[in-house]
């Protein structure tokens, strides 16, 4: 992500986070996905739930 994108996010949103996640879990081999092993895909949703006080965050 470039600086321009980050500046736009800062302009339009008071609260934001960036998340590293992988819907596949690993890179495809020969354009084929052997097995899905998603990693940390729930993190953005959990962060939103915490922001709206639906759940409490662990420290």
Protein backbone atom coordinates (compact mmCIF):
# COMPACT_ATOMS: atom_id res chain seq x y z
CA UNK A 1 0.00 0.00 0.00
CA UNK A 2 1.27 3.39 -0.87
CA UNK A 3 1.34 6.62 1.04
CA UNK A 4 -1.55 8.01 -1.02
CA UNK A 5 -3.84 5.19 0.07
CA UNK A 6 -2.82 5.62 3.71
CA UNK A 7 -3.46 9.37 3.53
CA UNK A 8 -6.97 8.79 2.17
CA UNK A 9 -7.74 6.32 4.94
CA UNK A 10 -6.54 8.83 7.55
CA UNK A 11 -8.68 11.54 5.94
CA UNK A 12 -11.94 9.58 5.87
CA UNK A 13 -11.71 7.37 8.98
CA UNK A 14 -11.01 8.21 12.63
CA UNK A 15 -10.35 4.62 13.59
CA UNK A 16 -8.75 2.06 11.31
CA UNK A 17 -6.37 -0.91 11.31
CA UNK A 18 -4.53 -2.92 8.69
CA UNK A 19 -4.60 -6.70 8.95
CA UNK A 20 -2.32 -9.39 7.55
CA UNK A 21 -4.32 -12.45 6.59
CA UNK A 22 -4.42 -15.22 4.02
CA UNK A 23 -7.66 -16.73 2.68
CA UNK A 24 -5.65 -19.58 1.10
CA UNK A 25 -3.07 -20.20 3.81
CA UNK A 26 -0.24 -20.68 1.33
CA UNK A 27 0.65 -19.83 -2.24
CA UNK A 28 -0.85 -21.94 -5.04
CA UNK A 29 1.49 -24.40 -6.77
CA UNK A 30 1.17 -24.47 -10.57
CA UNK A 31 -1.99 -22.32 -10.23
CA UNK A 32 -3.62 -25.02 -8.10
CA UNK A 33 -4.70 -24.83 -4.50
CA UNK A 34 -3.96 -28.08 -2.70
CA UNK A 35 -5.89 -27.37 0.47
CA UNK A 36 -7.44 -24.26 1.98
CA UNK A 37 -5.86 -23.29 5.29
CA UNK A 38 -7.08 -19.74 5.98
CA UNK A 39 -4.97 -17.73 8.42
CA UNK A 40 -6.30 -14.95 10.67
CA UNK A 41 -9.27 -14.16 8.42
CA UNK A 42 -11.46 -13.47 11.45
CA UNK A 43 -9.25 -10.65 12.78
CA UNK A 44 -10.96 -7.75 10.93
CA UNK A 45 -14.40 -8.90 12.05
CA UNK A 46 -13.26 -9.37 15.65
CA UNK A 47 -11.73 -5.88 15.60
CA UNK A 48 -15.04 -4.42 14.37
CA UNK A 49 -16.98 -6.32 17.04
CA UNK A 50 -14.64 -4.83 19.64
CA UNK A 51 -14.97 -1.32 18.20
CA UNK A 52 -18.77 -1.55 18.49
CA UNK A 53 -18.42 -3.08 21.99
CA UNK A 54 -20.03 -6.38 21.05
CA UNK A 55 -17.01 -8.19 22.53
CA UNK A 56 -14.13 -7.28 24.83
CA UNK A 57 -10.52 -7.48 23.67
CA UNK A 58 -7.89 -9.46 25.54
CA UNK A 59 -4.78 -7.56 26.55
